[in-house]
Amino acid sequence: MKKKLFSVMLVAALATSLLAGCGKNKKTDVDNTETQSVVESTQSTEADKVITVSSDMANITGNLGKGVALDCVAVSTDTEEYKAVEEYLKDTNATFEMYDINLLDKSKNKVQPDGMVEVSVKLSDNMKNAAGDTYVVFHNKGTDFTKIACTEKDGYVTFKTNHFSIYTVVKYDTTEPTIEQKIEKVEETTIPAEEVKQFESAV
């Protein structure tokens, strides 16, 4: 009788142990699945975030965040921004055009990009035919402005920025001392080195 009782207890203990073991293995499988899912959902690269949006007057390339559309319009000649640049460049051979460049989200609200982006503005025939051999871009903030280096190719002036607002494209002749000195006096726009690095590694 004692042997039979002992056998029953031994079988029960083994069954309990097996059930506990199976339960543990099942939990481990679930944990592994959940962990793998998290890893896969967070994998991304900066290059995946780089997109281009365009309008008739310009296009933008970079990590645009919530931005999905570009709004670029010429700035009126009676604004304080326009008059400030006009006054600064008077008595020189410089020609300029000013643009209000904005990034819009799905609700058409103005938003800013996630870091540095590249902006290309289409040159008008007036700018193409104007006297001069060099372009520079001003970033306007009210009556103040800073300058940004740019390149010109295939009828577009291209520059980099991390903020959208009003920008002025200036064309001038570097052989004229007056305008050359004025351009040199304008403070340069600075962009954090980390943003520059991220942009260059993404495009």
N, C-alpha and C. Protein backbone atom coordinates (compact mmCIF):
# COMPACT_ATOMS: atom_id res chain seq x y z
N MET A 1 0.83 -1.20 0.00
CA MET A 1 0.00 0.00 0.00
C MET A 1 0.87 1.25 0.00
N LYS A 2 1.91 1.22 0.81
CA LYS A 2 2.82 2.38 0.88
C LYS A 2 3.52 2.57 -0.44
N LYS A 3 3.92 1.45 -1.11
CA LYS A 3 4.61 1.57 -2.40
C LYS A 3 3.68 2.17 -3.44
N LYS A 4 2.39 1.76 -3.39
CA LYS A 4 1.45 2.29 -4.36
C LYS A 4 1.24 3.78 -4.15
N LEU A 5 1.12 4.19 -2.90
CA LEU A 5 0.95 5.60 -2.57
C LEU A 5 2.16 6.41 -3.01
N PHE A 6 3.34 5.82 -2.78
CA PHE A 6 4.58 6.51 -3.16
C PHE A 6 4.66 6.69 -4.67
N SER A 7 4.22 5.67 -5.42
CA SER A 7 4.25 5.74 -6.89
C SER A 7 3.32 6.82 -7.40
N VAL A 8 2.12 6.91 -6.79
CA VAL A 8 1.17 7.93 -7.21
C VAL A 8 1.73 9.31 -6.96
N MET A 9 2.36 9.51 -5.82
CA MET A 9 2.94 10.82 -5.49
C MET A 9 4.07 11.17 -6.44
N LEU A 10 4.87 10.18 -6.80
CA LEU A 10 6.00 10.42 -7.70
C LEU A 10 5.51 10.83 -9.08
N VAL A 11 4.48 10.16 -9.58
CA VAL A 11 3.91 10.51 -10.89
C VAL A 11 3.33 11.92 -10.87
N ALA A 12 2.66 12.27 -9.79
CA ALA A 12 2.07 13.61 -9.67
C ALA A 12 3.15 14.68 -9.67
N ALA A 13 4.25 14.40 -8.98
CA ALA A 13 5.36 15.37 -8.91
C ALA A 13 5.98 15.58 -10.27
N LEU A 14 6.17 14.47 -11.00
CA LEU A 14 6.75 14.56 -12.34
C LEU A 14 5.83 15.34 -13.28
N ALA A 15 4.54 15.11 -13.18
CA ALA A 15 3.59 15.82 -14.04
C ALA A 15 3.61 17.32 -13.77
N THR A 16 3.66 17.66 -12.49
CA THR A 16 3.73 19.08 -12.11
C THR A 16 4.98 19.74 -12.66
N SER A 17 6.11 19.03 -12.56
CA SER A 17 7.39 19.55 -13.05
C SER A 17 7.35 19.78 -14.54
N LEU A 18 6.77 18.83 -15.28
CA LEU A 18 6.68 18.96 -16.73
C LEU A 18 5.81 20.13 -17.15
N LEU A 19 4.68 20.28 -16.44
CA LEU A 19 3.78 21.39 -16.75
C LEU A 19 4.45 22.74 -16.50
N ALA A 20 5.19 22.84 -15.41
CA ALA A 20 5.91 24.08 -15.07
C ALA A 20 6.95 24.38 -16.12
N GLY A 21 7.66 23.33 -16.55
CA GLY A 21 8.69 23.51 -17.57
C GLY A 21 8.09 23.98 -18.88
N CYS A 22 6.98 23.39 -19.30
CA CYS A 22 6.33 23.79 -20.54
C CYS A 22 5.86 25.23 -20.46
N GLY A 23 5.31 25.58 -19.30
CA GLY A 23 4.86 26.96 -19.12
C GLY A 23 5.99 27.94 -19.24
N LYS A 24 7.14 27.62 -18.72
CA LYS A 24 8.29 28.51 -18.76
C LYS A 24 8.79 28.68 -20.18
N ASN A 25 8.85 27.58 -20.93
CA ASN A 25 9.31 27.65 -22.31
C ASN A 25 8.37 28.50 -23.16
N LYS A 26 7.07 28.34 -22.92
CA LYS A 26 6.09 29.12 -23.67
C LYS A 26 6.25 30.59 -23.40
N LYS A 27 6.47 30.98 -22.15
CA LYS A 27 6.66 32.38 -21.77
C LYS A 27 7.91 32.95 -22.44
N THR A 28 8.98 32.13 -22.48
CA THR A 28 10.23 32.57 -23.11
C THR A 28 10.01 32.86 -24.59
N ASP A 29 9.23 32.00 -25.27
CA ASP A 29 8.95 32.22 -26.69
C ASP A 29 8.22 33.52 -26.90
N VAL A 30 7.24 33.83 -26.03
CA VAL A 30 6.48 35.07 -26.14
C VAL A 30 7.39 36.27 -25.95
N ASP A 31 8.25 36.20 -24.91
CA ASP A 31 9.16 37.30 -24.65
C ASP A 31 10.07 37.56 -25.83
N ASN A 32 10.61 36.49 -26.44
CA ASN A 32 11.49 36.64 -27.59
C ASN A 32 10.76 37.29 -28.76
N THR A 33 9.50 36.90 -28.97
CA THR A 33 8.71 37.46 -30.06
C THR A 33 8.47 38.94 -29.86
N GLU A 34 8.12 39.30 -28.63
CA GLU A 34 7.85 40.71 -28.33
C GLU A 34 9.11 41.54 -28.50
N THR A 35 10.25 41.06 -28.04
CA THR A 35 11.50 41.78 -28.16
C THR A 35 11.88 41.99 -29.62
N GLN A 36 11.72 40.92 -30.43
CA GLN A 36 12.05 41.02 -31.85
C GLN A 36 11.17 42.05 -32.53
N SER A 37 9.89 42.09 -32.14
CA SER A 37 8.96 43.03 -32.75
C SER A 37 9.37 44.46 -32.47
N VAL A 38 9.80 44.75 -31.24
CA VAL A 38 10.24 46.09 -30.87
C VAL A 38 11.46 46.49 -31.67
N VAL A 39 12.40 45.58 -31.79
CA VAL A 39 13.62 45.88 -32.54
C VAL A 39 13.31 46.22 -33.98
N GLU A 40 12.43 45.43 -34.60
CA GLU A 40 12.11 45.66 -36.00
C GLU A 40 11.38 46.97 -36.21
N SER A 41 10.54 47.36 -35.27
CA SER A 41 9.75 48.57 -35.44
C SER A 41 10.56 49.83 -35.25
N THR A 42 11.71 49.75 -34.61
CA THR A 42 12.53 50.94 -34.36
C THR A 42 13.68 51.07 -35.34
N GLN A 43 13.86 50.09 -36.22
CA GLN A 43 14.95 50.17 -37.17
C GLN A 43 14.62 51.16 -38.27
N SER A 44 15.47 52.20 -38.45
CA SER A 44 15.29 53.18 -39.51
C SER A 44 16.61 53.89 -39.73
N THR A 45 16.73 54.57 -40.85
CA THR A 45 17.93 55.32 -41.15
C THR A 45 17.55 56.74 -41.52
N GLU A 46 18.53 57.64 -41.45
CA GLU A 46 18.28 59.03 -41.83
C GLU A 46 17.86 59.12 -43.29
N ALA A 47 18.43 58.23 -44.12
CA ALA A 47 18.11 58.26 -45.55
C ALA A 47 16.63 57.99 -45.80
N ASP A 48 16.00 57.16 -44.93
CA ASP A 48 14.58 56.84 -45.08
C ASP A 48 13.71 58.08 -44.91
N LYS A 49 14.21 59.09 -44.20
CA LYS A 49 13.42 60.27 -43.88
C LYS A 49 13.60 61.39 -44.89
N VAL A 50 14.52 61.26 -45.81
CA VAL A 50 14.81 62.32 -46.78
C VAL A 50 13.81 62.27 -47.92
N ILE A 51 13.07 63.37 -48.10
CA ILE A 51 12.13 63.46 -49.21
C ILE A 51 12.29 64.83 -49.88
N THR A 52 11.68 64.99 -51.04
CA THR A 52 11.71 66.25 -51.77
C THR A 52 10.29 66.72 -52.04
N VAL A 53 10.01 67.98 -51.76
CA VAL A 53 8.73 68.59 -52.12
C VAL A 53 9.02 69.78 -53.02
N SER A 54 8.11 70.03 -53.96
CA SER A 54 8.37 71.05 -54.97
C SER A 54 7.17 71.96 -55.20
N SER A 55 7.47 73.15 -55.74
CA SER A 55 6.45 74.07 -56.23
C SER A 55 6.96 74.61 -57.55
N ASP A 56 6.23 75.52 -58.15
CA ASP A 56 6.66 76.09 -59.42
C ASP A 56 7.93 76.92 -59.27
N MET A 57 8.17 77.42 -58.06
CA MET A 57 9.28 78.36 -57.86
C MET A 57 10.47 77.77 -57.12
N ALA A 58 10.30 76.63 -56.48
CA ALA A 58 11.39 76.09 -55.66
C ALA A 58 11.16 74.62 -55.35
N ASN A 59 12.18 73.99 -54.77
CA ASN A 59 12.03 72.65 -54.22
C ASN A 59 12.92 72.50 -53.00
N ILE A 60 12.54 71.58 -52.11
CA ILE A 60 13.25 71.36 -50.85
C ILE A 60 13.54 69.88 -50.69
N THR A 61 14.75 69.55 -50.26
CA THR A 61 15.13 68.16 -50.01
C THR A 61 15.70 68.02 -48.61
N GLY A 62 15.24 67.02 -47.87
CA GLY A 62 15.77 66.78 -46.53
C GLY A 62 14.76 66.06 -45.66
N ASN A 63 15.06 66.01 -44.36
CA ASN A 63 14.13 65.44 -43.39
C ASN A 63 13.13 66.54 -43.04
N LEU A 64 11.96 66.47 -43.63
CA LEU A 64 10.98 67.56 -43.52
C LEU A 64 10.04 67.41 -42.33
N GLY A 65 10.24 66.38 -41.50
CA GLY A 65 9.37 66.22 -40.34
C GLY A 65 7.93 66.03 -40.75
N LYS A 66 7.04 66.92 -40.30
CA LYS A 66 5.63 66.84 -40.63
C LYS A 66 5.29 67.54 -41.93
N GLY A 67 6.29 68.14 -42.56
CA GLY A 67 6.06 68.88 -43.79
C GLY A 67 5.76 67.99 -44.98
N VAL A 68 4.75 68.36 -45.76
CA VAL A 68 4.37 67.57 -46.93
C VAL A 68 4.22 68.43 -48.19
N ALA A 69 4.28 69.75 -48.04
CA ALA A 69 4.09 70.63 -49.19
C ALA A 69 4.94 71.89 -49.03
N LEU A 70 5.25 72.53 -50.16
CA LEU A 70 6.07 73.73 -50.19
C LEU A 70 5.26 74.92 -50.68
N ASP A 71 5.37 76.03 -49.98
CA ASP A 71 4.72 77.27 -50.40
C ASP A 71 5.82 78.32 -50.59
N CYS A 72 5.99 78.80 -51.81
CA CYS A 72 7.02 79.79 -52.10
C CYS A 72 6.40 80.91 -52.93
N VAL A 73 6.41 82.14 -52.38
CA VAL A 73 5.81 83.29 -53.07
C VAL A 73 6.77 84.47 -53.01
N ALA A 74 6.68 85.34 -54.00
CA ALA A 74 7.50 86.55 -54.01
C ALA A 74 7.01 87.51 -52.94
N VAL A 75 7.95 88.17 -52.28
CA VAL A 75 7.62 89.12 -51.22
C VAL A 75 7.33 90.49 -51.82
N SER A 76 6.31 91.13 -51.33
CA SER A 76 5.90 92.44 -51.83
C SER A 76 6.98 93.49 -51.59
N THR A 77 7.06 94.45 -52.50
CA THR A 77 8.09 95.50 -52.41
C THR A 77 7.82 96.51 -51.29
N ASP A 78 6.62 96.47 -50.71
CA ASP A 78 6.31 97.44 -49.66
C ASP A 78 6.50 96.88 -48.25
N THR A 79 7.10 95.69 -48.12
CA THR A 79 7.35 95.11 -46.80
C THR A 79 8.64 95.66 -46.21
N GLU A 80 8.78 95.56 -44.89
CA GLU A 80 9.97 96.07 -44.23
C GLU A 80 11.21 95.26 -44.63
N GLU A 81 11.03 93.97 -44.87
CA GLU A 81 12.16 93.13 -45.29
C GLU A 81 12.70 93.59 -46.64
N TYR A 82 11.79 93.83 -47.58
CA TYR A 82 12.21 94.23 -48.92
C TYR A 82 12.89 95.60 -48.89
N LYS A 83 12.28 96.53 -48.18
CA LYS A 83 12.83 97.88 -48.12
C LYS A 83 14.20 97.90 -47.44
N ALA A 84 14.42 97.02 -46.45
CA ALA A 84 15.71 96.97 -45.76
C ALA A 84 16.82 96.53 -46.70
N VAL A 85 16.56 95.51 -47.50
CA VAL A 85 17.57 95.04 -48.46
C VAL A 85 17.76 96.06 -49.58
N GLU A 86 16.66 96.64 -50.03
CA GLU A 86 16.74 97.65 -51.09
C GLU A 86 17.60 98.83 -50.65
N GLU A 87 17.44 99.25 -49.42
CA GLU A 87 18.23 100.37 -48.89
C GLU A 87 19.70 99.99 -48.77
N TYR A 88 19.95 98.77 -48.34
CA TYR A 88 21.34 98.33 -48.14
C TYR A 88 22.09 98.20 -49.46
N LEU A 89 21.40 97.79 -50.50
CA LEU A 89 22.05 97.54 -51.79
C LEU A 89 21.97 98.71 -52.76
N LYS A 90 21.40 99.82 -52.32
CA LYS A 90 21.29 100.96 -53.23
C LYS A 90 22.69 101.47 -53.61
N ASP A 91 22.76 102.10 -54.76
CA ASP A 91 24.04 102.63 -55.28
C ASP A 91 25.03 101.51 -55.60
N THR A 92 24.53 100.29 -55.82
CA THR A 92 25.39 99.19 -56.26
C THR A 92 24.78 98.61 -57.54
N ASN A 93 25.50 97.68 -58.14
CA ASN A 93 24.99 97.03 -59.36
C ASN A 93 24.22 95.75 -59.06
N ALA A 94 23.88 95.53 -57.80
CA ALA A 94 23.23 94.28 -57.39
C ALA A 94 21.76 94.25 -57.81
N THR A 95 21.30 93.04 -58.16
CA THR A 95 19.89 92.78 -58.46
C THR A 95 19.42 91.72 -57.46
N PHE A 96 18.21 91.88 -56.94
CA PHE A 96 17.74 90.88 -55.97
C PHE A 96 16.26 90.60 -56.13
N GLU A 97 15.86 89.41 -55.69
CA GLU A 97 14.47 89.02 -55.60
C GLU A 97 14.26 88.32 -54.27
N MET A 98 13.12 88.57 -53.64
CA MET A 98 12.86 88.08 -52.29
C MET A 98 11.69 87.10 -52.29
N TYR A 99 11.84 86.03 -51.51
CA TYR A 99 10.83 84.97 -51.48
C TYR A 99 10.46 84.62 -50.04
N ASP A 100 9.18 84.37 -49.83
CA ASP A 100 8.70 83.84 -48.55
C ASP A 100 8.53 82.33 -48.74
N ILE A 101 9.43 81.56 -48.16
CA ILE A 101 9.47 80.11 -48.36
C ILE A 101 8.99 79.41 -47.10
N ASN A 102 7.96 78.59 -47.24
CA ASN A 102 7.40 77.90 -46.08
C ASN A 102 7.09 76.44 -46.37
N LEU A 103 7.27 75.63 -45.34
CA LEU A 103 6.94 74.21 -45.38
C LEU A 103 5.60 74.03 -44.69
N LEU A 104 4.69 73.27 -45.33
CA LEU A 104 3.34 73.10 -44.80
C LEU A 104 3.06 71.65 -44.45
N ASP A 105 2.29 71.45 -43.37
CA ASP A 105 1.87 70.09 -43.02
C ASP A 105 0.56 69.75 -43.73
N LYS A 106 -0.04 68.62 -43.39
CA LYS A 106 -1.25 68.16 -44.08
C LYS A 106 -2.42 69.11 -43.88
N SER A 107 -2.39 69.88 -42.79
CA SER A 107 -3.46 70.84 -42.52
C SER A 107 -3.13 72.24 -43.04
N LYS A 108 -2.02 72.34 -43.80
CA LYS A 108 -1.54 73.58 -44.40
C LYS A 108 -1.06 74.59 -43.35
N ASN A 109 -0.64 74.07 -42.19
CA ASN A 109 -0.01 74.92 -41.19
C ASN A 109 1.48 74.98 -41.47
N LYS A 110 2.10 76.12 -41.15
CA LYS A 110 3.54 76.27 -41.35
C LYS A 110 4.29 75.45 -40.31
N VAL A 111 5.26 74.66 -40.75
CA VAL A 111 6.08 73.85 -39.85
C VAL A 111 7.54 74.01 -40.25
N GLN A 112 8.43 73.56 -39.38
CA GLN A 112 9.86 73.63 -39.65
C GLN A 112 10.40 72.22 -39.88
N PRO A 113 11.50 72.10 -40.61
CA PRO A 113 12.07 70.78 -40.89
C PRO A 113 12.78 70.20 -39.67
N ASP A 114 13.09 68.92 -39.72
CA ASP A 114 13.87 68.27 -38.65
C ASP A 114 15.34 68.32 -39.04
N GLY A 115 15.97 69.46 -38.80
CA GLY A 115 17.38 69.61 -39.14
C GLY A 115 17.59 70.37 -40.43
N MET A 116 18.77 70.26 -40.97
CA MET A 116 19.14 71.01 -42.16
C MET A 116 18.54 70.41 -43.42
N VAL A 117 18.14 71.29 -44.34
CA VAL A 117 17.60 70.87 -45.63
C VAL A 117 18.26 71.67 -46.74
N GLU A 118 18.06 71.21 -47.97
CA GLU A 118 18.60 71.90 -49.14
C GLU A 118 17.45 72.54 -49.92
N VAL A 119 17.60 73.82 -50.21
CA VAL A 119 16.57 74.59 -50.90
C VAL A 119 17.10 75.04 -52.26
N SER A 120 16.32 74.83 -53.30
CA SER A 120 16.68 75.31 -54.64
C SER A 120 15.58 76.24 -55.14
N VAL A 121 15.97 77.48 -55.45
CA VAL A 121 15.01 78.48 -55.92
C VAL A 121 15.23 78.72 -57.41
N LYS A 122 14.15 78.68 -58.16
CA LYS A 122 14.23 78.90 -59.60
C LYS A 122 14.45 80.37 -59.91
N LEU A 123 15.46 80.65 -60.73
CA LEU A 123 15.77 82.03 -61.09
C LEU A 123 14.81 82.54 -62.16
N SER A 124 14.36 83.76 -61.99
CA SER A 124 13.51 84.39 -63.01
C SER A 124 14.39 84.84 -64.17
N ASP A 125 13.76 85.14 -65.29
CA ASP A 125 14.51 85.65 -66.44
C ASP A 125 15.20 86.96 -66.10
N ASN A 126 14.56 87.76 -65.25
CA ASN A 126 15.16 89.03 -64.83
C ASN A 126 16.48 88.81 -64.11
N MET A 127 16.53 87.80 -63.23
CA MET A 127 17.76 87.50 -62.50
C MET A 127 18.81 86.90 -63.42
N LYS A 128 18.39 86.04 -64.33
CA LYS A 128 19.34 85.41 -65.24
C LYS A 128 20.03 86.45 -66.14
N ASN A 129 19.26 87.43 -66.57
CA ASN A 129 19.77 88.41 -67.51
C ASN A 129 20.43 89.61 -66.84
N ALA A 130 20.33 89.70 -65.53
CA ALA A 130 20.91 90.84 -64.81
C ALA A 130 22.43 90.78 -64.84
N ALA A 131 23.06 91.95 -64.72
CA ALA A 131 24.51 92.02 -64.67
C ALA A 131 25.02 91.37 -63.38
N GLY A 132 26.19 90.77 -63.47
CA GLY A 132 26.77 90.14 -62.28
C GLY A 132 27.32 88.77 -62.59
N ASP A 133 28.20 88.31 -61.70
CA ASP A 133 28.83 87.00 -61.91
C ASP A 133 28.74 86.10 -60.68
N THR A 134 28.08 86.58 -59.64
CA THR A 134 28.03 85.82 -58.38
C THR A 134 26.67 85.98 -57.71
N TYR A 135 26.26 84.91 -57.02
CA TYR A 135 25.01 84.94 -56.26
C TYR A 135 25.31 84.74 -54.77
N VAL A 136 24.47 85.35 -53.94
CA VAL A 136 24.49 85.10 -52.50
C VAL A 136 23.04 85.14 -52.02
N VAL A 137 22.75 84.47 -50.91
CA VAL A 137 21.40 84.44 -50.36
C VAL A 137 21.39 85.13 -49.00
N PHE A 138 20.40 85.98 -48.78
CA PHE A 138 20.19 86.60 -47.47
C PHE A 138 19.03 85.89 -46.77
N HIS A 139 19.20 85.63 -45.48
CA HIS A 139 18.11 85.12 -44.64
C HIS A 139 17.56 86.30 -43.87
N ASN A 140 16.33 86.69 -44.18
CA ASN A 140 15.75 87.91 -43.61
C ASN A 140 14.95 87.66 -42.35
N LYS A 141 15.19 88.51 -41.35
CA LYS A 141 14.43 88.48 -40.10
C LYS A 141 14.04 89.91 -39.79
N GLY A 142 12.87 90.34 -40.28
CA GLY A 142 12.49 91.73 -40.15
C GLY A 142 13.43 92.59 -40.99
N THR A 143 14.00 93.61 -40.39
CA THR A 143 14.92 94.49 -41.13
C THR A 143 16.36 93.98 -41.05
N ASP A 144 16.60 92.90 -40.32
CA ASP A 144 17.94 92.31 -40.23
C ASP A 144 18.06 91.15 -41.19
N PHE A 145 19.28 90.83 -41.57
CA PHE A 145 19.51 89.68 -42.45
C PHE A 145 20.94 89.20 -42.32
N THR A 146 21.11 87.91 -42.55
CA THR A 146 22.42 87.28 -42.58
C THR A 146 22.60 86.64 -43.96
N LYS A 147 23.81 86.26 -44.28
CA LYS A 147 24.06 85.71 -45.62
C LYS A 147 24.34 84.21 -45.55
N ILE A 148 24.00 83.53 -46.66
CA ILE A 148 24.21 82.10 -46.79
C ILE A 148 24.90 81.84 -48.13
N ALA A 149 25.94 81.04 -48.10
CA ALA A 149 26.61 80.67 -49.35
C ALA A 149 25.67 79.83 -50.21
N CYS A 150 25.79 79.96 -51.52
CA CYS A 150 24.91 79.22 -52.42
C CYS A 150 25.65 78.85 -53.70
N THR A 151 25.02 78.01 -54.49
CA THR A 151 25.56 77.65 -55.80
C THR A 151 24.48 77.91 -56.84
N GLU A 152 24.90 78.11 -58.08
CA GLU A 152 23.97 78.34 -59.18
C GLU A 152 24.21 77.31 -60.26
N LYS A 153 23.15 76.62 -60.67
CA LYS A 153 23.27 75.60 -61.71
C LYS A 153 21.92 75.36 -62.36
N ASP A 154 21.93 75.32 -63.68
CA ASP A 154 20.74 74.99 -64.46
C ASP A 154 19.54 75.87 -64.12
N GLY A 155 19.80 77.15 -63.87
CA GLY A 155 18.71 78.08 -63.61
C GLY A 155 18.17 78.07 -62.20
N TYR A 156 18.87 77.42 -61.28
CA TYR A 156 18.46 77.39 -59.87
C TYR A 156 19.60 77.85 -58.98
N VAL A 157 19.25 78.55 -57.90
CA VAL A 157 20.20 78.87 -56.84
C VAL A 157 19.89 77.95 -55.67
N THR A 158 20.91 77.25 -55.19
CA THR A 158 20.72 76.26 -54.14
C THR A 158 21.50 76.62 -52.89
N PHE A 159 20.85 76.50 -51.74
CA PHE A 159 21.49 76.79 -50.46
C PHE A 159 20.94 75.86 -49.39
N LYS A 160 21.56 75.87 -48.23
CA LYS A 160 21.14 75.00 -47.12
C LYS A 160 20.69 75.86 -45.94
N THR A 161 19.66 75.37 -45.26
CA THR A 161 19.13 76.07 -44.10
C THR A 161 18.44 75.08 -43.18
N ASN A 162 18.10 75.52 -41.97
CA ASN A 162 17.33 74.69 -41.05
C ASN A 162 16.07 75.41 -40.57
N HIS A 163 15.73 76.49 -41.29
CA HIS A 163 14.57 77.28 -40.87
C HIS A 163 13.96 77.96 -42.10
N PHE A 164 12.63 77.91 -42.20
CA PHE A 164 11.96 78.54 -43.33
C PHE A 164 11.37 79.88 -42.93
N SER A 165 11.58 80.86 -43.79
CA SER A 165 11.03 82.19 -43.60
C SER A 165 11.26 82.96 -44.90
N ILE A 166 11.74 84.19 -44.80
CA ILE A 166 11.97 85.01 -45.99
C ILE A 166 13.44 84.96 -46.39
N TYR A 167 13.68 84.75 -47.68
CA TYR A 167 15.04 84.68 -48.21
C TYR A 167 15.16 85.58 -49.45
N THR A 168 16.33 86.18 -49.60
CA THR A 168 16.61 87.05 -50.74
C THR A 168 17.75 86.48 -51.56
N VAL A 169 17.51 86.34 -52.86
CA VAL A 169 18.57 85.92 -53.77
C VAL A 169 19.17 87.18 -54.39
N VAL A 170 20.48 87.35 -54.22
CA VAL A 170 21.17 88.55 -54.70
C VAL A 170 22.18 88.16 -55.76
N LYS A 171 22.17 88.91 -56.87
CA LYS A 171 23.17 88.72 -57.92
C LYS A 171 23.99 90.00 -58.04
N TYR A 172 25.31 89.86 -58.03
CA TYR A 172 26.15 91.06 -58.08
C TYR A 172 27.45 90.78 -58.83
N ASP A 173 28.17 91.86 -59.11
CA ASP A 173 29.43 91.79 -59.85
C ASP A 173 30.59 91.94 -58.86
N THR A 174 31.39 90.91 -58.76
CA THR A 174 32.49 90.93 -57.78
C THR A 174 33.60 91.90 -58.16
N THR A 175 33.54 92.45 -59.37
CA THR A 175 34.58 93.42 -59.77
C THR A 175 34.25 94.82 -59.28
N GLU A 176 33.04 94.99 -58.75
CA GLU A 176 32.68 96.31 -58.22
C GLU A 176 32.99 96.36 -56.72
N PRO A 177 33.93 97.20 -56.29
CA PRO A 177 34.35 97.23 -54.88
C PRO A 177 33.21 97.54 -53.90
N THR A 178 32.30 98.43 -54.28
CA THR A 178 31.25 98.85 -53.35
C THR A 178 30.37 97.69 -52.91
N ILE A 179 29.86 96.92 -53.86
CA ILE A 179 28.97 95.80 -53.51
C ILE A 179 29.76 94.68 -52.85
N GLU A 180 30.99 94.48 -53.28
CA GLU A 180 31.81 93.43 -52.67
C GLU A 180 32.02 93.70 -51.18
N GLN A 181 32.27 94.95 -50.85
CA GLN A 181 32.47 95.32 -49.44
C GLN A 181 31.18 95.17 -48.64
N LYS A 182 30.06 95.55 -49.25
CA LYS A 182 28.78 95.42 -48.55
C LYS A 182 28.45 93.95 -48.25
N ILE A 183 28.68 93.09 -49.22
CA ILE A 183 28.40 91.66 -49.03
C ILE A 183 29.29 91.09 -47.93
N GLU A 184 30.55 91.49 -47.93
CA GLU A 184 31.49 90.98 -46.92
C GLU A 184 31.09 91.39 -45.51
N LYS A 185 30.43 92.54 -45.37
CA LYS A 185 30.05 93.03 -44.05
C LYS A 185 28.85 92.28 -43.45
N VAL A 186 28.09 91.62 -44.29
CA VAL A 186 26.90 90.90 -43.80
C VAL A 186 27.34 89.65 -43.05
N GLU A 187 26.83 89.50 -41.85
CA GLU A 187 27.18 88.34 -41.02
C GLU A 187 26.67 87.05 -41.64
N GLU A 188 27.44 85.98 -41.49
CA GLU A 188 27.06 84.69 -42.06
C GLU A 188 26.06 83.95 -41.16
N THR A 189 25.13 83.26 -41.79
CA THR A 189 24.20 82.39 -41.06
C THR A 189 24.94 81.13 -40.64
N THR A 190 24.76 80.73 -39.40
CA THR A 190 25.44 79.53 -38.90
C THR A 190 24.43 78.41 -38.68
N ILE A 191 24.82 77.20 -39.06
CA ILE A 191 24.01 76.00 -38.84
C ILE A 191 24.84 75.03 -38.01
N PRO A 192 24.28 74.44 -36.94
CA PRO A 192 25.04 73.51 -36.10
C PRO A 192 25.72 72.43 -36.93
N ALA A 193 26.98 72.13 -36.59
CA ALA A 193 27.77 71.15 -37.33
C ALA A 193 27.10 69.77 -37.35
N GLU A 194 26.41 69.42 -36.26
CA GLU A 194 25.75 68.12 -36.18
C GLU A 194 24.64 68.00 -37.23
N GLU A 195 23.92 69.10 -37.47
CA GLU A 195 22.86 69.07 -38.48
C GLU A 195 23.45 68.92 -39.88
N VAL A 196 24.57 69.58 -40.10
CA VAL A 196 25.24 69.46 -41.40
C VAL A 196 25.69 68.03 -41.63
N LYS A 197 26.26 67.42 -40.60
CA LYS A 197 26.74 66.04 -40.68
C LYS A 197 25.60 65.07 -40.95
N GLN A 198 24.49 65.25 -40.25
CA GLN A 198 23.33 64.36 -40.44
C GLN A 198 22.78 64.46 -41.85
N PHE A 199 22.72 65.70 -42.36
CA PHE A 199 22.19 65.89 -43.71
C PHE A 199 23.10 65.23 -44.76
N GLU A 200 24.40 65.46 -44.63
CA GLU A 200 25.33 64.92 -45.61
C GLU A 200 25.37 63.40 -45.59
N SER A 201 25.14 62.79 -44.43
CA SER A 201 25.15 61.33 -44.34
C SER A 201 23.84 60.73 -44.84
N ALA A 202 22.79 61.55 -44.93
CA ALA A 202 21.48 61.04 -45.31
C ALA A 202 21.22 61.12 -46.81
N VAL A 203 21.74 62.14 -47.45
CA VAL A 203 21.46 62.31 -48.89
C VAL A 203 22.47 61.58 -49.76
